[in-house]
């Protein structure tokens, strides 16, 4: 069973990528589980929020034991996925066992649906990649990236329109969060089992991006896709900001930046946001793409890295002239 996580900063376009993949007859997907933040805690510290503290590293944690809160959350997630009749009375004591059970649950759900792969989309799983890779070494990851200014405008619009507390915190907090996400994305350029999708490419050239995604996931491109996404990935009543993405049909959304942010504020934001153009250029160079934003003289320095599975990387499209690269 192929296991894949879609990750990114909130409002970066992860839902449209999930819905797009859900149209493929081999793919099973589901609403966000938030599994690793619920199990491991420490989300706000990992986001870089001001004043947030890391999760305690007690003796029990060093032994690999699950937090009491994490065990409760595991049982709640199991109940929501499988129903009361299939719920265990006790959650596993060890983290490794909890993660194994989580993977097995999604495997079983995918098999019952007649699918050979599953996609889990929780944007904040980006902050738990090291743990996911530790416990699920064969998992694949799709990083969805959108310009920081657009992300901030979309978050501001969602907060104002829907009064949702998950989008609160102010611009400075979301600048730090987007910069943190960009730092993580950049560190995985060229890494095995990681694939970067830039939202503007997906809306501008959906056919090309679709083929790149399918090559990375080993999915057939010759099968007939559903006309729209029929799988349950979100409730538009409780998450109305996702409504336009649920069809799985990429489209160019209207930019909210100029409507919400004046010229002075836009300039102030540019000075504080990590360069999206440099990230795009670094990714283009690593994957031998020609659609760079920057000239060769402006390109960031790249260092070669070794791979333990060159054939898999070739199949996934992770080659570049002269080998694979990681940003220095």
C-alpha atoms as a PDB file:
ATOM      1  CA  UNK A   1       0.000   0.000   0.000  1.00  0.00           C
ATOM      2  CA  UNK A   2       1.434   3.356  -1.044  1.00  0.00           C
ATOM      3  CA  UNK A   3       1.265   5.906   1.813  1.00  0.00           C
ATOM      4  CA  UNK A   4       1.501   9.623   1.029  1.00  0.00           C
ATOM      5  CA  UNK A   5       1.208  12.789   3.121  1.00  0.00           C
ATOM      6  CA  UNK A   6       0.313  16.180   1.611  1.00  0.00           C
ATOM      7  CA  UNK A   7       1.895  18.959   3.674  1.00  0.00           C
ATOM      8  CA  UNK A   8       2.389  22.726   3.592  1.00  0.00           C
ATOM      9  CA  UNK A   9       1.500  26.004   5.236  1.00  0.00           C
ATOM     10  CA  UNK A  10      -2.269  26.454   5.813  1.00  0.00           C
ATOM     11  CA  UNK A  11      -4.008  28.145   2.856  1.00  0.00           C
ATOM     12  CA  UNK A  12      -1.175  27.089   0.520  1.00  0.00           C
ATOM     13  CA  UNK A  13      -3.382  24.911  -1.701  1.00  0.00           C
ATOM     14  CA  UNK A  14      -3.047  21.512  -0.030  1.00  0.00           C
ATOM     15  CA  UNK A  15      -6.794  20.848  -0.334  1.00  0.00           C
ATOM     16  CA  UNK A  16      -6.873  21.304  -4.105  1.00  0.00           C
ATOM     17  CA  UNK A  17      -3.935  18.893  -4.497  1.00  0.00           C
ATOM     18  CA  UNK A  18      -5.656  16.342  -2.262  1.00  0.00           C
ATOM     19  CA  UNK A  19      -8.958  16.713  -4.144  1.00  0.00           C
ATOM     20  CA  UNK A  20      -7.166  16.468  -7.477  1.00  0.00           C
ATOM     21  CA  UNK A  21      -5.520  13.187  -6.468  1.00  0.00           C
ATOM     22  CA  UNK A  22      -8.809  11.911  -5.026  1.00  0.00           C
ATOM     23  CA  UNK A  23     -10.200  11.840  -8.572  1.00  0.00           C
ATOM     24  CA  UNK A  24      -7.765   9.021  -9.418  1.00  0.00           C
ATOM     25  CA  UNK A  25      -9.375   5.546  -9.112  1.00  0.00           C
ATOM     26  CA  UNK A  26      -6.314   4.117  -7.315  1.00  0.00           C
ATOM     27  CA  UNK A  27      -6.304   6.736  -4.532  1.00  0.00           C
ATOM     28  CA  UNK A  28      -8.157   6.735  -1.240  1.00  0.00           C
ATOM     29  CA  UNK A  29      -8.228   9.855   0.915  1.00  0.00           C
ATOM     30  CA  UNK A  30     -10.067  11.266   3.911  1.00  0.00           C
ATOM     31  CA  UNK A  31     -10.499  14.465   5.972  1.00  0.00           C
ATOM     32  CA  UNK A  32      -7.516  15.830   7.881  1.00  0.00           C
ATOM     33  CA  UNK A  33      -6.571  13.583  10.798  1.00  0.00           C
ATOM     34  CA  UNK A  34      -4.053  15.857  12.567  1.00  0.00           C
ATOM     35  CA  UNK A  35      -2.582  12.588  13.802  1.00  0.00           C
ATOM     36  CA  UNK A  36       1.024  13.512  14.568  1.00  0.00           C
ATOM     37  CA  UNK A  37       0.327  16.882  16.253  1.00  0.00           C
ATOM     38  CA  UNK A  38      -2.329  15.131  18.374  1.00  0.00           C
ATOM     39  CA  UNK A  39       0.016  12.274  19.229  1.00  0.00           C
ATOM     40  CA  UNK A  40       3.252  14.191  19.816  1.00  0.00           C
ATOM     41  CA  UNK A  41       2.138  17.701  20.814  1.00  0.00           C
ATOM     42  CA  UNK A  42       4.365  20.785  20.659  1.00  0.00           C
ATOM     43  CA  UNK A  43       2.704  22.221  17.549  1.00  0.00           C
ATOM     44  CA  UNK A  44       2.958  25.918  18.423  1.00  0.00           C
ATOM     45  CA  UNK A  45       6.607  25.565  19.392  1.00  0.00           C
ATOM     46  CA  UNK A  46       7.354  23.879  16.067  1.00  0.00           C
ATOM     47  CA  UNK A  47       5.478  26.632  14.264  1.00  0.00           C
ATOM     48  CA  UNK A  48       7.806  29.143  15.915  1.00  0.00           C
ATOM     49  CA  UNK A  49       5.010  30.985  17.721  1.00  0.00           C
ATOM     50  CA  UNK A  50       6.249  33.576  20.187  1.00  0.00           C
ATOM     51  CA  UNK A  51       6.299  32.309  23.774  1.00  0.00           C
ATOM     52  CA  UNK A  52       5.508  28.692  22.836  1.00  0.00           C
ATOM     53  CA  UNK A  53       7.418  26.010  24.693  1.00  0.00           C
ATOM     54  CA  UNK A  54       8.497  22.587  23.417  1.00  0.00           C
ATOM     55  CA  UNK A  55       6.696  19.449  24.529  1.00  0.00           C
ATOM     56  CA  UNK A  56       8.300  18.014  27.667  1.00  0.00           C
ATOM     57  CA  UNK A  57      10.940  15.352  27.059  1.00  0.00           C
ATOM     58  CA  UNK A  58      10.257  13.272  30.132  1.00  0.00           C
ATOM     59  CA  UNK A  59      11.831   9.911  30.882  1.00  0.00           C
ATOM     60  CA  UNK A  60       8.714   8.230  29.494  1.00  0.00           C
ATOM     61  CA  UNK A  61       9.065  10.116  26.223  1.00  0.00           C
ATOM     62  CA  UNK A  62      12.710   9.096  25.947  1.00  0.00           C
ATOM     63  CA  UNK A  63      11.596   5.488  26.348  1.00  0.00           C
ATOM     64  CA  UNK A  64       9.197   5.959  23.435  1.00  0.00           C
ATOM     65  CA  UNK A  65       6.016   5.910  25.519  1.00  0.00           C
ATOM     66  CA  UNK A  66       2.956   7.806  24.299  1.00  0.00           C
ATOM     67  CA  UNK A  67       1.641  10.798  26.247  1.00  0.00           C
ATOM     68  CA  UNK A  68      -1.640  10.248  28.074  1.00  0.00           C
ATOM     69  CA  UNK A  69      -3.232  13.005  25.983  1.00  0.00           C
ATOM     70  CA  UNK A  70      -1.856  11.374  22.820  1.00  0.00           C
ATOM     71  CA  UNK A  71      -3.443   8.040  23.756  1.00  0.00           C
ATOM     72  CA  UNK A  72      -6.819   9.717  24.274  1.00  0.00           C
ATOM     73  CA  UNK A  73      -6.498  11.429  20.914  1.00  0.00           C
ATOM     74  CA  UNK A  74      -5.546   8.153  19.257  1.00  0.00           C
ATOM     75  CA  UNK A  75      -8.717   6.492  20.533  1.00  0.00           C
ATOM     76  CA  UNK A  76     -10.823   9.475  19.428  1.00  0.00           C
ATOM     77  CA  UNK A  77      -9.345   9.315  15.919  1.00  0.00           C
ATOM     78  CA  UNK A  78      -9.822   5.545  15.779  1.00  0.00           C
ATOM     79  CA  UNK A  79     -13.473   5.988  16.747  1.00  0.00           C
ATOM     80  CA  UNK A  80     -14.036   8.634  14.072  1.00  0.00           C
ATOM     81  CA  UNK A  81     -12.398   6.511  11.368  1.00  0.00           C
ATOM     82  CA  UNK A  82     -13.701   3.041  12.217  1.00  0.00           C
ATOM     83  CA  UNK A  83     -16.799   3.633  14.339  1.00  0.00           C
ATOM     84  CA  UNK A  84     -17.537   2.604  17.897  1.00  0.00           C
ATOM     85  CA  UNK A  85     -17.764  -1.093  17.062  1.00  0.00           C
ATOM     86  CA  UNK A  86     -14.119  -1.338  16.019  1.00  0.00           C
ATOM     87  CA  UNK A  87     -12.549   0.858  18.673  1.00  0.00           C
ATOM     88  CA  UNK A  88      -9.900  -0.569  20.999  1.00  0.00           C
ATOM     89  CA  UNK A  89     -10.466  -0.135  24.704  1.00  0.00           C
ATOM     90  CA  UNK A  90      -6.892   0.992  25.237  1.00  0.00           C
ATOM     91  CA  UNK A  91      -4.456   2.852  23.045  1.00  0.00           C
ATOM     92  CA  UNK A  92      -0.960   1.407  22.525  1.00  0.00           C
ATOM     93  CA  UNK A  93       1.584   2.525  25.112  1.00  0.00           C
ATOM     94  CA  UNK A  94       4.427   3.021  22.650  1.00  0.00           C
ATOM     95  CA  UNK A  95       4.630   5.695  19.960  1.00  0.00           C
ATOM     96  CA  UNK A  96       5.914   3.244  17.381  1.00  0.00           C
ATOM     97  CA  UNK A  97       2.903   0.989  17.916  1.00  0.00           C
ATOM     98  CA  UNK A  98       0.468   3.919  17.718  1.00  0.00           C
ATOM     99  CA  UNK A  99       1.913   5.000  14.380  1.00  0.00           C
ATOM    100  CA  UNK A 100       1.861   1.420  13.084  1.00  0.00           C
ATOM    101  CA  UNK A 101      -1.827   1.093  14.030  1.00  0.00           C
ATOM    102  CA  UNK A 102      -2.573   4.447  12.369  1.00  0.00           C
ATOM    103  CA  UNK A 103      -0.948   3.308   9.126  1.00  0.00           C
ATOM    104  CA  UNK A 104      -2.752  -0.043   9.287  1.00  0.00           C
ATOM    105  CA  UNK A 105      -6.114   1.700   9.793  1.00  0.00           C
ATOM    106  CA  UNK A 106      -5.647   3.759   6.642  1.00  0.00           C
ATOM    107  CA  UNK A 107      -4.357   0.717   4.753  1.00  0.00           C
ATOM    108  CA  UNK A 108      -7.509  -1.199   5.696  1.00  0.00           C
ATOM    109  CA  UNK A 109      -9.803   1.688   4.744  1.00  0.00           C
ATOM    110  CA  UNK A 110      -8.077   2.014   1.368  1.00  0.00           C
ATOM    111  CA  UNK A 111      -8.300  -1.732   0.708  1.00  0.00           C
ATOM    112  CA  UNK A 112     -12.003  -1.783   1.577  1.00  0.00           C
ATOM    113  CA  UNK A 113     -12.496   1.054  -0.897  1.00  0.00           C
ATOM    114  CA  UNK A 114     -10.663  -0.962  -3.566  1.00  0.00           C
ATOM    115  CA  UNK A 115      -7.726   1.463  -3.729  1.00  0.00           C
ATOM    116  CA  UNK A 116      -3.989   0.744  -3.852  1.00  0.00           C
ATOM    117  CA  UNK A 117      -2.770   4.019  -2.281  1.00  0.00           C
ATOM    118  CA  UNK A 118      -3.882   6.500   0.345  1.00  0.00           C
ATOM    119  CA  UNK A 119      -3.343  10.236   0.703  1.00  0.00           C
ATOM    120  CA  UNK A 120      -3.453  11.935   4.111  1.00  0.00           C
ATOM    121  CA  UNK A 121      -3.545  15.724   4.040  1.00  0.00           C
ATOM    122  CA  UNK A 122      -2.818  17.614   7.241  1.00  0.00           C
ATOM    123  CA  UNK A 123      -0.771  20.744   6.442  1.00  0.00           C
ATOM    124  CA  UNK A 124       0.893  20.821   9.867  1.00  0.00           C
ATOM    125  CA  UNK A 125       2.375  17.369   9.337  1.00  0.00           C
ATOM    126  CA  UNK A 126       5.111  19.384   7.610  1.00  0.00           C
ATOM    127  CA  UNK A 127       6.437  20.083  11.112  1.00  0.00           C
ATOM    128  CA  UNK A 128       6.622  16.375  12.002  1.00  0.00           C
ATOM    129  CA  UNK A 129       8.429  15.029   8.940  1.00  0.00           C
ATOM    130  CA  UNK A 130      11.356  13.590  10.894  1.00  0.00           C
ATOM    131  CA  UNK A 131       9.044  11.533  13.119  1.00  0.00           C
ATOM    132  CA  UNK A 132       6.881  10.390  10.211  1.00  0.00           C
ATOM    133  CA  UNK A 133       9.949   9.273   8.284  1.00  0.00           C
ATOM    134  CA  UNK A 134      11.308   7.531  11.373  1.00  0.00           C
ATOM    135  CA  UNK A 135       8.176   5.424  11.865  1.00  0.00           C
ATOM    136  CA  UNK A 136       7.068   5.225   8.199  1.00  0.00           C
ATOM    137  CA  UNK A 137      10.328   5.100   6.204  1.00  0.00           C
ATOM    138  CA  UNK A 138       8.576   4.287   2.911  1.00  0.00           C
ATOM    139  CA  UNK A 139       6.039   7.127   3.105  1.00  0.00           C
ATOM    140  CA  UNK A 140       6.061   9.800   0.418  1.00  0.00           C
ATOM    141  CA  UNK A 141       5.481  13.513   0.883  1.00  0.00           C
ATOM    142  CA  UNK A 142       3.974  16.146  -1.390  1.00  0.00           C
ATOM    143  CA  UNK A 143       4.969  19.688  -0.357  1.00  0.00           C
ATOM    144  CA  UNK A 144       2.456  22.286  -1.602  1.00  0.00           C
ATOM    145  CA  UNK A 145       3.837  25.819  -1.835  1.00  0.00           C
ATOM    146  CA  UNK A 146       2.189  29.157  -2.546  1.00  0.00           C
ATOM    147  CA  UNK A 147       3.683  32.688  -2.447  1.00  0.00           C
ATOM    148  CA  UNK A 148       3.776  34.036   1.099  1.00  0.00           C
ATOM    149  CA  UNK A 149       1.905  37.210   0.235  1.00  0.00           C
ATOM    150  CA  UNK A 150      -0.980  35.193  -1.234  1.00  0.00           C
ATOM    151  CA  UNK A 151      -1.037  32.893   1.801  1.00  0.00           C
ATOM    152  CA  UNK A 152      -1.234  35.852   4.200  1.00  0.00           C
ATOM    153  CA  UNK A 153      -3.998  37.486   2.165  1.00  0.00           C
ATOM    154  CA  UNK A 154      -5.979  34.239   2.052  1.00  0.00           C
ATOM    155  CA  UNK A 155      -5.586  33.718   5.803  1.00  0.00           C
ATOM    156  CA  UNK A 156      -6.637  37.313   6.515  1.00  0.00           C
ATOM    157  CA  UNK A 157      -9.656  36.944   4.237  1.00  0.00           C
ATOM    158  CA  UNK A 158     -10.697  33.677   5.910  1.00  0.00           C
ATOM    159  CA  UNK A 159     -10.362  35.190   9.385  1.00  0.00           C
ATOM    160  CA  UNK A 160     -12.412  38.253   8.469  1.00  0.00           C
ATOM    161  CA  UNK A 161     -15.046  36.401   6.474  1.00  0.00           C
ATOM    162  CA  UNK A 162     -15.571  33.354   8.691  1.00  0.00           C
ATOM    163  CA  UNK A 163     -14.316  34.581  12.086  1.00  0.00           C
ATOM    164  CA  UNK A 164     -12.383  31.317  12.475  1.00  0.00           C
ATOM    165  CA  UNK A 165      -9.937  31.279  15.395  1.00  0.00           C
ATOM    166  CA  UNK A 166      -7.528  28.923  13.604  1.00  0.00           C
ATOM    167  CA  UNK A 167      -6.610  31.842  11.319  1.00  0.00           C
ATOM    168  CA  UNK A 168      -6.083  34.340  14.135  1.00  0.00           C
ATOM    169  CA  UNK A 169      -2.832  35.570  15.616  1.00  0.00           C
ATOM    170  CA  UNK A 170      -2.004  38.520  13.399  1.00  0.00           C
ATOM    171  CA  UNK A 171       0.277  39.023  10.414  1.00  0.00           C
ATOM    172  CA  UNK A 172       3.563  38.757  12.319  1.00  0.00           C
ATOM    173  CA  UNK A 173       2.641  35.304  13.605  1.00  0.00           C
ATOM    174  CA  UNK A 174       1.713  34.078  10.130  1.00  0.00           C
ATOM    175  CA  UNK A 175       4.852  35.599   8.626  1.00  0.00           C
ATOM    176  CA  UNK A 176       6.912  33.538  11.064  1.00  0.00           C
ATOM    177  CA  UNK A 177       4.862  30.452  10.279  1.00  0.00           C
ATOM    178  CA  UNK A 178       5.188  30.858   6.520  1.00  0.00           C
ATOM    179  CA  UNK A 179       8.922  31.504   6.811  1.00  0.00           C
ATOM    180  CA  UNK A 180       9.261  28.389   8.962  1.00  0.00           C
ATOM    181  CA  UNK A 181       7.366  26.321   6.372  1.00  0.00           C
ATOM    182  CA  UNK A 182       9.576  27.703   3.598  1.00  0.00           C
ATOM    183  CA  UNK A 183      12.709  26.765   5.533  1.00  0.00           C
ATOM    184  CA  UNK A 184      11.463  23.182   5.860  1.00  0.00           C
ATOM    185  CA  UNK A 185      10.409  22.923   2.197  1.00  0.00           C
ATOM    186  CA  UNK A 186      13.819  24.147   1.110  1.00  0.00           C
ATOM    187  CA  UNK A 187      15.652  21.606   3.279  1.00  0.00           C
ATOM    188  CA  UNK A 188      13.859  18.745   1.475  1.00  0.00           C
ATOM    189  CA  UNK A 189      14.613  19.805  -2.101  1.00  0.00           C
ATOM    190  CA  UNK A 190      16.026  16.762  -3.854  1.00  0.00           C
ATOM    191  CA  UNK A 191      15.375  14.466  -0.885  1.00  0.00           C
ATOM    192  CA  UNK A 192      14.173  10.929  -1.501  1.00  0.00           C
ATOM    193  CA  UNK A 193      10.389  10.475  -1.369  1.00  0.00           C
ATOM    194  CA  UNK A 194       9.718  14.246  -1.337  1.00  0.00           C
ATOM    195  CA  UNK A 195       8.038  16.162  -4.173  1.00  0.00           C
ATOM    196  CA  UNK A 196       7.436  19.925  -4.351  1.00  0.00           C
ATOM    197  CA  UNK A 197       4.328  21.354  -6.024  1.00  0.00           C
ATOM    198  CA  UNK A 198       4.029  25.097  -6.592  1.00  0.00           C
ATOM    199  CA  UNK A 199       0.390  26.154  -6.711  1.00  0.00           C
ATOM    200  CA  UNK A 200       0.899  28.588  -9.591  1.00  0.00           C
ATOM    201  CA  UNK A 201       2.334  25.768 -11.728  1.00  0.00           C
ATOM    202  CA  UNK A 202      -0.638  23.574 -10.877  1.00  0.00           C
ATOM    203  CA  UNK A 203      -3.137  26.208 -12.029  1.00  0.00           C
ATOM    204  CA  UNK A 204      -1.069  27.330 -15.028  1.00  0.00           C
ATOM    205  CA  UNK A 205      -0.075  23.884 -16.340  1.00  0.00           C
ATOM    206  CA  UNK A 206      -2.334  21.326 -14.633  1.00  0.00           C
ATOM    207  CA  UNK A 207      -1.624  18.576 -17.191  1.00  0.00           C
ATOM    208  CA  UNK A 208       2.157  18.793 -16.749  1.00  0.00           C
ATOM    209  CA  UNK A 209       1.910  18.945 -12.963  1.00  0.00           C
ATOM    210  CA  UNK A 210      -0.526  16.041 -12.956  1.00  0.00           C
ATOM    211  CA  UNK A 211       1.943  13.868 -14.864  1.00  0.00           C
ATOM    212  CA  UNK A 212       4.756  14.865 -12.494  1.00  0.00           C
ATOM    213  CA  UNK A 213       2.595  13.943  -9.495  1.00  0.00           C
ATOM    214  CA  UNK A 214       1.620  10.590 -10.990  1.00  0.00           C
ATOM    215  CA  UNK A 215       5.247   9.734 -11.819  1.00  0.00           C
ATOM    216  CA  UNK A 216       6.245  10.537  -8.257  1.00  0.00           C
ATOM    217  CA  UNK A 217       3.458   8.387  -6.777  1.00  0.00           C
ATOM    218  CA  UNK A 218       3.700   5.599  -9.335  1.00  0.00           C
ATOM    219  CA  UNK A 219       0.114   6.167 -10.473  1.00  0.00           C
ATOM    220  CA  UNK A 220      -1.112   5.399 -13.957  1.00  0.00           C
ATOM    221  CA  UNK A 221      -1.885   8.415 -16.143  1.00  0.00           C
ATOM    222  CA  UNK A 222      -3.875   6.405 -18.672  1.00  0.00           C
ATOM    223  CA  UNK A 223      -6.885   5.700 -16.427  1.00  0.00           C
ATOM    224  CA  UNK A 224     -10.106   7.680 -16.564  1.00  0.00           C
ATOM    225  CA  UNK A 225     -10.439  10.183 -13.715  1.00  0.00           C
ATOM    226  CA  UNK A 226     -13.626  11.063 -11.903  1.00  0.00           C
ATOM    227  CA  UNK A 227     -15.143  14.247 -13.284  1.00  0.00           C
ATOM    228  CA  UNK A 228     -14.976  15.748  -9.803  1.00  0.00           C
ATOM    229  CA  UNK A 229     -13.804  14.687  -6.341  1.00  0.00           C
ATOM    230  CA  UNK A 230     -16.464  12.400  -4.830  1.00  0.00           C
ATOM    231  CA  UNK A 231     -14.516  11.374  -1.736  1.00  0.00           C
ATOM    232  CA  UNK A 232     -15.187  12.988   1.621  1.00  0.00           C
ATOM    233  CA  UNK A 233     -12.208  15.220   2.369  1.00  0.00           C
ATOM    234  CA  UNK A 234     -13.837  18.183   4.145  1.00  0.00           C
ATOM    235  CA  UNK A 235     -17.205  19.516   5.255  1.00  0.00           C
ATOM    236  CA  UNK A 236     -17.968  22.764   3.384  1.00  0.00           C
ATOM    237  CA  UNK A 237     -20.401  23.773   6.129  1.00  0.00           C
ATOM    238  CA  UNK A 238     -17.771  23.736   8.877  1.00  0.00           C
ATOM    239  CA  UNK A 239     -14.835  24.640   6.589  1.00  0.00           C
ATOM    240  CA  UNK A 240     -16.399  26.936   3.963  1.00  0.00           C
ATOM    241  CA  UNK A 241     -13.002  28.334   2.926  1.00  0.00           C
ATOM    242  CA  UNK A 242     -12.265  24.949   1.298  1.00  0.00           C
ATOM    243  CA  UNK A 243     -15.425  24.888  -0.816  1.00  0.00           C
ATOM    244  CA  UNK A 244     -13.832  26.039  -4.087  1.00  0.00           C
ATOM    245  CA  UNK A 245     -11.059  23.435  -3.828  1.00  0.00           C
ATOM    246  CA  UNK A 246     -13.254  20.398  -3.188  1.00  0.00           C
ATOM    247  CA  UNK A 247     -13.957  19.701  -6.861  1.00  0.00           C
ATOM    248  CA  UNK A 248     -10.334  18.744  -7.515  1.00  0.00           C
ATOM    249  CA  UNK A 249     -10.336  20.892 -10.666  1.00  0.00           C
ATOM    250  CA  UNK A 250      -7.439  23.391 -10.487  1.00  0.00           C
ATOM    251  CA  UNK A 251      -8.344  26.955 -11.391  1.00  0.00           C
ATOM    252  CA  UNK A 252      -6.763  30.360 -11.067  1.00  0.00           C
ATOM    253  CA  UNK A 253      -8.171  32.018  -7.959  1.00  0.00           C
ATOM    254  CA  UNK A 254      -8.614  35.773  -7.736  1.00  0.00           C
ATOM    255  CA  UNK A 255      -5.735  37.383  -5.868  1.00  0.00           C
ATOM    256  CA  UNK A 256      -6.798  38.951  -2.593  1.00  0.00           C
ATOM    257  CA  UNK A 257      -3.490  40.730  -2.008  1.00  0.00           C
ATOM    258  CA  UNK A 258      -4.258  44.117  -3.569  1.00  0.00           C
ATOM    259  CA  UNK A 259      -7.793  44.183  -2.178  1.00  0.00           C
ATOM    260  CA  UNK A 260      -6.637  43.598   1.403  1.00  0.00           C
ATOM    261  CA  UNK A 261      -3.118  45.040   1.564  1.00  0.00           C
ATOM    262  CA  UNK A 262      -2.171  48.582   0.519  1.00  0.00           C
ATOM    263  CA  UNK A 263       1.166  49.429  -1.194  1.00  0.00           C
ATOM    264  CA  UNK A 264       2.998  50.284   2.041  1.00  0.00           C
ATOM    265  CA  UNK A 265       1.829  47.124   3.792  1.00  0.00           C
ATOM    266  CA  UNK A 266       2.790  44.996   0.785  1.00  0.00           C
ATOM    267  CA  UNK A 267       6.295  46.447   0.838  1.00  0.00           C
ATOM    268  CA  UNK A 268       6.537  45.874   4.591  1.00  0.00           C
ATOM    269  CA  UNK A 269       5.497  42.239   4.098  1.00  0.00           C
ATOM    270  CA  UNK A 270       8.023  41.686   1.292  1.00  0.00           C
ATOM    271  CA  UNK A 271      10.823  42.785   3.590  1.00  0.00           C
ATOM    272  CA  UNK A 272       9.847  40.185   6.186  1.00  0.00           C
ATOM    273  CA  UNK A 273       8.814  37.191   4.089  1.00  0.00           C
ATOM    274  CA  UNK A 274      11.417  34.658   2.991  1.00  0.00           C
ATOM    275  CA  UNK A 275      11.930  34.847  -0.767  1.00  0.00           C
ATOM    276  CA  UNK A 276       9.453  32.635  -2.590  1.00  0.00           C
ATOM    277  CA  UNK A 277      11.300  33.273  -5.862  1.00  0.00           C
ATOM    278  CA  UNK A 278      14.553  31.867  -4.489  1.00  0.00           C
ATOM    279  CA  UNK A 279      12.772  28.755  -3.226  1.00  0.00           C
ATOM    280  CA  UNK A 280      11.154  28.265  -6.631  1.00  0.00           C
ATOM    281  CA  UNK A 281      14.503  28.737  -8.359  1.00  0.00           C
ATOM    282  CA  UNK A 282      16.258  26.270  -6.072  1.00  0.00           C
ATOM    283  CA  UNK A 283      13.560  23.677  -6.750  1.00  0.00           C
ATOM    284  CA  UNK A 284      13.731  24.288 -10.504  1.00  0.00           C
ATOM    285  CA  UNK A 285      17.485  23.804 -10.512  1.00  0.00           C
ATOM    286  CA  UNK A 286      17.325  20.611  -8.452  1.00  0.00           C
ATOM    287  CA  UNK A 287      14.736  19.039 -10.750  1.00  0.00           C
ATOM    288  CA  UNK A 288      16.260  20.308 -13.992  1.00  0.00           C
ATOM    289  CA  UNK A 289      13.303  22.545 -14.780  1.00  0.00           C
ATOM    290  CA  UNK A 290      13.807  25.528 -17.065  1.00  0.00           C
ATOM    291  CA  UNK A 291      11.164  27.869 -15.669  1.00  0.00           C
ATOM    292  CA  UNK A 292      13.479  29.724 -13.285  1.00  0.00           C
ATOM    293  CA  UNK A 293      12.650  33.090 -11.792  1.00  0.00           C
ATOM    294  CA  UNK A 294      16.336  33.921 -11.354  1.00  0.00           C
ATOM    295  CA  UNK A 295      19.347  34.102 -13.661  1.00  0.00           C
ATOM    296  CA  UNK A 296      22.159  31.526 -13.167  1.00  0.00           C
ATOM    297  CA  UNK A 297      24.244  34.170 -11.356  1.00  0.00           C
ATOM    298  CA  UNK A 298      21.442  34.659  -8.832  1.00  0.00           C
ATOM    299  CA  UNK A 299      20.919  30.950  -8.171  1.00  0.00           C
ATOM    300  CA  UNK A 300      21.543  29.772  -4.591  1.00  0.00           C
ATOM    301  CA  UNK A 301      24.590  27.579  -4.048  1.00  0.00           C
ATOM    302  CA  UNK A 302      23.785  23.866  -4.355  1.00  0.00           C
ATOM    303  CA  UNK A 303      25.664  20.856  -2.983  1.00  0.00           C
ATOM    304  CA  UNK A 304      25.420  17.278  -4.322  1.00  0.00           C
ATOM    305  CA  UNK A 305      24.000  14.632  -2.034  1.00  0.00           C
ATOM    306  CA  UNK A 306      24.152  10.872  -2.325  1.00  0.00           C
ATOM    307  CA  UNK A 307      21.065   8.720  -2.741  1.00  0.00           C
ATOM    308  CA  UNK A 308      20.538   5.186  -1.627  1.00  0.00           C
ATOM    309  CA  UNK A 309      17.897   4.498  -4.286  1.00  0.00           C
ATOM    310  CA  UNK A 310      18.803   6.110  -7.588  1.00  0.00           C
ATOM    311  CA  UNK A 311      16.323   4.011  -9.602  1.00  0.00           C
ATOM    312  CA  UNK A 312      13.435   5.146  -7.414  1.00  0.00           C
ATOM    313  CA  UNK A 313      14.502   8.756  -7.784  1.00  0.00           C
ATOM    314  CA  UNK A 314      14.607   8.456 -11.573  1.00  0.00           C
ATOM    315  CA  UNK A 315      11.117   6.958 -11.548  1.00  0.00           C
ATOM    316  CA  UNK A 316       9.944   9.854  -9.396  1.00  0.00           C
ATOM    317  CA  UNK A 317      11.513  12.467 -11.635  1.00  0.00           C
ATOM    318  CA  UNK A 318      14.070  13.446  -8.966  1.00  0.00           C
ATOM    319  CA  UNK A 319      17.084  13.794 -11.244  1.00  0.00           C
ATOM    320  CA  UNK A 320      19.005  16.803 -12.389  1.00  0.00           C
ATOM    321  CA  UNK A 321      21.865  17.280 -14.817  1.00  0.00           C
ATOM    322  CA  UNK A 322      24.913  15.811 -13.121  1.00  0.00           C
ATOM    323  CA  UNK A 323      22.943  14.211 -10.242  1.00  0.00           C
ATOM    324  CA  UNK A 324      20.680  15.189  -7.361  1.00  0.00           C
ATOM    325  CA  UNK A 325      21.107  18.273  -5.246  1.00  0.00           C
ATOM    326  CA  UNK A 326      20.275  19.712  -1.867  1.00  0.00           C
ATOM    327  CA  UNK A 327      20.339  23.409  -1.059  1.00  0.00           C
ATOM    328  CA  UNK A 328      23.409  24.369   0.970  1.00  0.00           C
END
